[in-house]
Amino acid sequence: PLMLQNTRLISVWDLLSLRLRTDVLDKCQLFKGMRPWQVRKLVAVSRIREYQPDETILLQGTAYNNMLVLLKGEAEAWRTRDDGSTYLVGAYKPGGVFGVSSLVTNRERLADVVAVGDVQALSLRWESIHRIARLYPRIASRFHENLSSIIAKRLFHESDSLSYQDELSGLYSASFLQELLNFTAEKANRYKEPLCLIMLTIEDEDIIVKNHGRQALRWVFREMAKAVKQAIRKVDLLSRWGGGEFIIMLPRTDHTTLEEIIWRLQDALREADFSVVDVLNIQARWANLQHGETAQALVARAKAHDAIWELRQVKSVKG
């Protein structure tokens, strides 16, 4: 492509002399919790590209299949309006990560990313990510945990993030979870990592709306979300799947840990304040990913699973 005509790949000899800046090691979320020698190994099996001043790194309106980590220099993101005018969206310094959503979606870029001065950037595609996993499985484990966290945050905070937030509960929406779950299930299958889902179902949410109004349902959903977040781990993700269904995605979770979380959830929800409604029934189900199973099949099995527990709260009436 024309935009890459001046871009060159770094040679092996360049890699041997590469010195990663301290701010890249310290500030890059992709390298969080990794030692410098681990990062250098990761870089050595990946591709590094160089860009000249004012060269376009990513082009608005174009779909890509790679993400980039800025190793040297700075870059700016500029968006073009319909009338042809442009405005600055943001800036990247060494350690900055961009193009993340390209790994999980086919959406076009929302802005140009342009080199400010000479730039070196680490380019990561699925092929290089899989190579890392084959050669350095222990490094890959930390790398994938960081990558999953970055993808979740970036998808949610993109300009169309309202489509990723459920209005009633304030949680991630089903469309957001579906994209992230597809990515996580593929990763879990490839690297034989455990992945579990917990489905919480509020029975008869339509009756709650009929008897108490939509605001009461909003209160129930948000009170439930608050209680659930107290019981799950930071790496787990809670979203509203639809109707009265909520899904918790638990990456790298064995059966023993799953059981502990399930019973913590019951205790937390038992203490939640659902007093705005007369009666509330909550059921819990679960499923763990089978080898080769798709995200859609995993959700279907969780729905079909017998309830592990059912919580029924009845509003007390004082005489």
Protein backbone atom coordinates (compact mmCIF):
# COMPACT_ATOMS: atom_id res chain seq x y z
CA PRO A 1 0.00 0.00 0.00
CA LEU A 2 1.05 3.58 -0.63
CA MET A 3 0.98 4.47 3.08
CA LEU A 4 3.66 1.82 3.76
CA GLN A 5 5.99 2.62 0.88
CA ASN A 6 8.59 4.15 3.22
CA THR A 7 8.05 1.66 6.03
CA ARG A 8 10.67 -1.03 6.60
CA LEU A 9 10.83 -4.08 8.80
CA ILE A 10 13.58 -4.20 11.39
CA SER A 11 16.21 -6.87 10.69
CA VAL A 12 17.41 -9.54 13.12
CA TRP A 13 20.61 -7.55 13.63
CA ASP A 14 18.57 -4.49 14.61
CA LEU A 15 16.67 -6.62 17.11
CA LEU A 16 19.87 -7.83 18.74
CA SER A 17 20.88 -4.25 19.49
CA LEU A 18 17.39 -3.08 20.46
CA ARG A 19 17.23 -1.33 23.82
CA LEU A 20 13.74 -0.92 25.13
CA ARG A 21 13.14 2.37 26.89
CA THR A 22 12.36 2.30 30.58
CA ASP A 23 9.06 4.10 30.03
CA VAL A 24 7.98 1.41 27.55
CA LEU A 25 8.67 -1.33 30.09
CA ASP A 26 7.07 0.58 32.97
CA LYS A 27 4.04 2.17 31.29
CA CYS A 28 2.91 -0.27 28.62
CA GLN A 29 -0.14 -2.17 29.90
CA LEU A 30 0.62 -5.02 27.52
CA PHE A 31 3.88 -5.70 29.39
CA LYS A 32 2.42 -5.32 32.89
CA GLY A 33 3.93 -7.79 35.37
CA MET A 34 6.59 -8.93 32.88
CA ARG A 35 10.34 -8.75 33.40
CA PRO A 36 12.52 -6.85 30.89
CA TRP A 37 14.06 -10.06 29.53
CA GLN A 38 10.57 -11.49 28.97
CA VAL A 39 9.54 -8.40 27.02
CA ARG A 40 12.68 -8.60 24.89
CA LYS A 41 11.93 -12.24 24.05
CA LEU A 42 8.41 -11.27 23.08
CA VAL A 43 9.69 -8.46 20.87
CA ALA A 44 12.30 -10.70 19.26
CA VAL A 45 9.66 -13.07 17.83
CA SER A 46 7.41 -10.23 16.65
CA ARG A 47 7.69 -7.62 13.90
CA ILE A 48 8.93 -4.09 14.38
CA ARG A 49 8.15 -1.41 11.84
CA GLU A 50 9.74 1.98 11.35
CA TYR A 51 7.86 5.06 10.19
CA GLN A 52 9.17 8.39 8.97
CA PRO A 53 7.89 11.79 10.22
CA ASP A 54 4.31 12.52 9.12
CA GLU A 55 3.87 9.00 7.71
CA THR A 56 0.44 7.44 8.22
CA ILE A 57 0.63 4.40 10.48
CA LEU A 58 -3.10 3.56 10.40
CA LEU A 59 -5.61 5.04 7.99
CA GLN A 60 -9.15 6.10 8.91
CA GLY A 61 -11.79 4.01 7.15
CA THR A 62 -9.46 1.03 6.67
CA ALA A 63 -9.78 -2.31 8.46
CA TYR A 64 -6.63 -3.90 9.89
CA ASN A 65 -5.75 -7.20 11.54
CA ASN A 66 -2.93 -6.04 13.78
CA MET A 67 -2.34 -3.95 16.89
CA LEU A 68 0.71 -1.80 17.55
CA VAL A 69 2.84 -0.85 20.54
CA LEU A 70 4.86 2.35 20.28
CA LEU A 71 8.48 1.60 21.18
CA LYS A 72 10.14 4.85 20.09
CA GLY A 73 8.89 8.29 19.09
CA GLU A 74 5.38 9.70 19.29
CA ALA A 75 2.20 9.49 17.23
CA GLU A 76 -1.08 11.39 16.97
CA ALA A 77 -4.61 10.28 16.13
CA TRP A 78 -6.56 12.60 13.81
CA ARG A 79 -10.18 12.17 12.76
CA THR A 80 -11.65 13.57 9.54
CA ARG A 81 -15.19 14.97 9.63
CA ASP A 82 -17.69 14.58 6.80
CA ASP A 83 -16.90 18.13 5.64
CA GLY A 84 -13.21 17.26 5.26
CA SER A 85 -11.97 19.12 8.34
CA THR A 86 -9.79 17.28 10.85
CA TYR A 87 -9.32 17.40 14.61
CA LEU A 88 -6.92 15.82 17.07
CA VAL A 89 -8.35 12.81 18.93
CA GLY A 90 -5.35 11.84 21.04
CA ALA A 91 -1.62 11.29 21.23
CA TYR A 92 0.58 8.26 21.87
CA LYS A 93 3.92 8.15 23.63
CA PRO A 94 6.34 5.21 24.03
CA GLY A 95 4.42 2.33 25.60
CA GLY A 96 1.15 3.41 23.99
CA VAL A 97 -1.02 0.68 22.46
CA PHE A 98 -3.40 1.26 19.55
CA GLY A 99 -5.35 -0.74 16.99
CA VAL A 100 -6.36 -3.23 19.69
CA SER A 101 -9.94 -3.81 18.54
CA SER A 102 -8.61 -4.95 15.15
CA LEU A 103 -7.80 -8.30 16.75
CA VAL A 104 -11.43 -9.05 17.57
CA THR A 105 -13.55 -7.03 15.13
CA ASN A 106 -13.51 -6.14 11.43
CA ARG A 107 -14.56 -2.56 11.97
CA GLU A 108 -12.79 0.18 10.08
CA ARG A 109 -10.42 2.58 11.81
CA LEU A 110 -12.17 5.63 13.25
CA ALA A 111 -9.12 7.91 12.90
CA ASP A 112 -5.73 8.25 11.23
CA VAL A 113 -2.65 7.55 13.34
CA VAL A 114 0.33 9.60 12.12
CA ALA A 115 4.00 9.44 13.11
CA VAL A 116 5.39 12.52 14.86
CA GLY A 117 9.09 12.29 14.09
CA ASP A 118 10.80 8.92 13.60
CA VAL A 119 8.77 6.07 15.06
CA GLN A 120 9.37 2.41 15.89
CA ALA A 121 6.29 0.28 16.60
CA LEU A 122 5.82 -3.34 17.51
CA SER A 123 3.23 -4.92 15.20
CA LEU A 124 1.27 -7.87 16.61
CA ARG A 125 -1.06 -10.10 14.61
CA TRP A 126 -2.64 -13.38 15.65
CA GLU A 127 0.18 -15.24 13.92
CA SER A 128 2.82 -13.58 16.11
CA ILE A 129 0.66 -14.01 19.23
CA HIS A 130 0.37 -17.74 18.51
CA ARG A 131 4.14 -17.92 17.94
CA ILE A 132 4.72 -16.39 21.36
CA ALA A 133 2.46 -19.01 22.93
CA ARG A 134 4.32 -21.87 21.23
CA LEU A 135 7.80 -20.65 22.11
CA TYR A 136 7.23 -19.08 25.53
CA PRO A 137 4.05 -20.46 27.16
CA ARG A 138 4.77 -18.89 30.57
CA ILE A 139 5.35 -15.47 29.03
CA ALA A 140 2.25 -15.95 26.88
CA SER A 141 0.07 -16.56 29.93
CA ARG A 142 0.81 -13.10 31.38
CA PHE A 143 0.72 -11.53 27.92
CA HIS A 144 -2.77 -12.87 27.19
CA GLU A 145 -4.10 -11.76 30.56
CA ASN A 146 -2.89 -8.22 29.83
CA LEU A 147 -4.21 -8.34 26.27
CA SER A 148 -7.68 -9.45 27.39
CA SER A 149 -7.84 -6.59 29.88
CA ILE A 150 -6.79 -4.02 27.25
CA ILE A 151 -9.30 -5.33 24.71
CA ALA A 152 -12.15 -5.11 27.22
CA LYS A 153 -11.31 -1.53 28.16
CA ARG A 154 -10.74 -0.34 24.60
CA LEU A 155 -13.88 -1.86 23.15
CA PHE A 156 -15.97 -0.26 25.86
CA HIS A 157 -14.39 3.19 25.63
CA GLU A 158 -14.47 3.57 21.85
CA SER A 159 -16.67 6.31 20.41
CA ASP A 160 -19.58 3.92 19.94
CA SER A 161 -19.31 2.70 23.53
CA LEU A 162 -22.99 3.39 24.19
CA SER A 163 -23.76 0.24 22.20
CA TYR A 164 -21.57 -1.63 24.69
CA GLN A 165 -23.41 -0.40 27.78
CA ASP A 166 -26.75 -1.69 28.96
CA GLU A 167 -28.98 1.25 29.90
CA LEU A 168 -30.99 -0.47 32.63
CA SER A 169 -28.19 -2.16 34.57
CA GLY A 170 -25.23 0.09 33.69
CA LEU A 171 -23.24 -3.07 32.88
CA TYR A 172 -21.60 -4.25 29.68
CA SER A 173 -24.18 -5.18 27.05
CA ALA A 174 -24.68 -8.51 25.31
CA SER A 175 -23.01 -7.22 22.12
CA PHE A 176 -19.90 -6.30 24.08
CA LEU A 177 -19.77 -9.63 25.89
CA GLN A 178 -20.28 -11.55 22.66
CA GLU A 179 -17.20 -9.96 21.06
CA LEU A 180 -15.04 -10.47 24.11
CA LEU A 181 -16.35 -13.99 24.73
CA ASN A 182 -15.56 -15.02 21.15
CA PHE A 183 -11.98 -13.83 21.64
CA THR A 184 -11.62 -15.45 25.07
CA ALA A 185 -13.09 -18.79 23.99
CA GLU A 186 -10.80 -18.96 20.96
CA LYS A 187 -7.80 -18.23 23.17
CA ALA A 188 -8.90 -20.77 25.79
CA ASN A 189 -9.32 -23.48 23.13
CA ARG A 190 -5.98 -22.76 21.52
CA TYR A 191 -3.98 -22.76 24.74
CA LYS A 192 -6.10 -25.28 26.65
CA GLU A 193 -7.05 -22.80 29.36
CA PRO A 194 -10.17 -23.24 31.52
CA LEU A 195 -13.05 -20.85 30.91
CA CYS A 196 -16.31 -20.80 32.85
CA LEU A 197 -19.61 -18.94 32.69
CA ILE A 198 -22.13 -18.28 35.43
CA MET A 199 -25.64 -17.28 34.36
CA LEU A 200 -27.86 -15.49 36.84
CA THR A 201 -31.53 -15.22 35.93
CA ILE A 202 -34.09 -12.91 37.53
CA GLU A 203 -37.44 -14.60 37.01
CA ASP A 204 -40.49 -12.68 35.72
CA GLU A 205 -38.84 -9.30 35.14
CA ASP A 206 -41.89 -8.33 33.05
CA ILE A 207 -44.10 -8.79 36.14
CA ILE A 208 -41.76 -6.49 38.11
CA VAL A 209 -42.26 -3.80 35.46
CA LYS A 210 -46.04 -4.34 35.44
CA ASN A 211 -46.42 -4.19 39.23
CA HIS A 212 -43.71 -1.70 40.20
CA GLY A 213 -42.58 0.14 37.07
CA ARG A 214 -39.41 0.27 35.01
CA GLN A 215 -37.52 2.29 37.61
CA ALA A 216 -38.01 -0.53 40.11
CA LEU A 217 -36.50 -2.98 37.62
CA ARG A 218 -33.58 -0.60 37.13
CA TRP A 219 -33.05 -0.56 40.91
CA VAL A 220 -33.13 -4.37 41.08
CA PHE A 221 -30.66 -4.75 38.21
CA ARG A 222 -28.21 -2.22 39.64
CA GLU A 223 -28.47 -3.57 43.18
CA MET A 224 -27.82 -7.02 41.80
CA ALA A 225 -24.81 -5.77 39.82
CA LYS A 226 -23.36 -4.13 42.92
CA ALA A 227 -23.72 -7.32 44.95
CA VAL A 228 -22.24 -9.53 42.24
CA LYS A 229 -19.19 -7.32 41.80
CA GLN A 230 -18.42 -7.76 45.50
CA ALA A 231 -18.33 -11.53 45.07
CA ILE A 232 -16.34 -11.94 41.84
CA ARG A 233 -12.69 -11.27 41.04
CA LYS A 234 -11.21 -8.33 39.14
CA VAL A 235 -10.48 -10.52 36.12
CA ASP A 236 -14.12 -11.66 35.87
CA LEU A 237 -16.58 -9.76 33.70
CA LEU A 238 -20.29 -9.22 34.43
CA SER A 239 -22.75 -8.23 31.73
CA ARG A 240 -26.47 -8.24 31.08
CA TRP A 241 -27.28 -10.82 28.42
CA GLY A 242 -30.91 -9.84 27.89
CA GLY A 243 -34.23 -9.82 29.74
CA GLY A 244 -33.47 -10.88 33.28
CA GLU A 245 -30.35 -12.85 32.29
CA PHE A 246 -26.85 -11.88 33.42
CA ILE A 247 -23.62 -13.63 32.48
CA ILE A 248 -20.35 -13.65 34.39
CA MET A 249 -17.32 -14.66 32.33
CA LEU A 250 -14.57 -16.26 34.42
CA PRO A 251 -11.32 -16.74 32.48
CA ARG A 252 -8.71 -19.28 33.59
CA THR A 253 -11.01 -20.63 36.31
CA ASP A 254 -10.91 -24.22 37.55
CA HIS A 255 -13.92 -26.02 39.01
CA THR A 256 -12.88 -25.50 42.64
CA THR A 257 -12.60 -21.73 42.20
CA LEU A 258 -15.87 -21.71 40.28
CA GLU A 259 -17.73 -23.36 43.15
CA GLU A 260 -16.29 -20.87 45.65
CA ILE A 261 -17.47 -17.94 43.53
CA ILE A 262 -20.93 -19.44 43.00
CA TRP A 263 -21.57 -19.71 46.73
CA ARG A 264 -20.09 -16.28 47.41
CA LEU A 265 -22.59 -14.92 44.89
CA GLN A 266 -25.48 -16.48 46.76
CA ASP A 267 -24.33 -14.94 50.05
CA ALA A 268 -23.82 -11.52 48.47
CA LEU A 269 -27.22 -11.51 46.76
CA ARG A 270 -28.95 -12.65 49.94
CA GLU A 271 -27.70 -9.45 51.59
CA ALA A 272 -28.66 -7.15 48.70
CA ASP A 273 -31.49 -4.64 49.03
CA PHE A 274 -34.35 -5.67 46.74
CA SER A 275 -37.04 -4.11 48.94
CA VAL A 276 -38.52 -2.09 46.04
CA VAL A 277 -40.29 -5.26 44.85
CA ASP A 278 -42.55 -7.70 46.71
CA VAL A 279 -41.03 -10.96 45.48
CA LEU A 280 -37.79 -11.71 43.69
CA ASN A 281 -36.47 -15.06 42.40
CA ILE A 282 -32.86 -15.44 41.21
CA GLN A 283 -31.45 -18.66 39.78
CA ALA A 284 -27.80 -19.56 39.14
CA ARG A 285 -26.49 -21.85 36.41
CA TRP A 286 -23.02 -22.53 35.05
CA ALA A 287 -21.01 -24.17 32.27
CA ASN A 288 -17.34 -24.66 31.52
CA LEU A 289 -15.85 -24.56 28.03
CA GLN A 290 -15.39 -27.95 26.39
CA HIS A 291 -12.44 -28.41 24.04
CA GLY A 292 -13.25 -27.01 20.61
CA GLU A 293 -16.54 -25.49 21.76
CA THR A 294 -17.68 -22.10 20.47
CA ALA A 295 -18.71 -19.19 22.68
CA GLN A 296 -22.31 -19.52 21.44
CA ALA A 297 -22.44 -23.20 22.39
CA LEU A 298 -21.00 -22.42 25.82
CA VAL A 299 -23.75 -19.88 26.50
CA ALA A 300 -26.42 -22.32 25.28
CA ARG A 301 -25.18 -25.00 27.68
CA ALA A 302 -25.15 -22.56 30.58
CA LYS A 303 -28.77 -21.67 29.83
CA ALA A 304 -29.78 -25.33 29.68
CA HIS A 305 -27.99 -26.32 32.88
CA ASP A 306 -30.09 -27.15 35.93
CA ALA A 307 -30.13 -24.37 38.52
CA ILE A 308 -27.40 -24.77 41.16
CA TRP A 309 -29.32 -22.64 43.60
CA GLU A 310 -32.43 -20.49 43.66
CA LEU A 311 -32.73 -17.43 45.85
CA ARG A 312 -36.22 -16.22 46.74
CA GLN A 313 -36.74 -12.97 48.58
CA VAL A 314 -40.16 -11.91 49.84
CA LYS A 315 -40.71 -8.39 51.09
CA SER A 316 -41.74 -8.40 54.74
CA VAL A 317 -44.87 -6.47 55.63
CA LYS A 318 -44.91 -4.83 59.01
CA GLY A 319 -48.29 -4.92 60.80
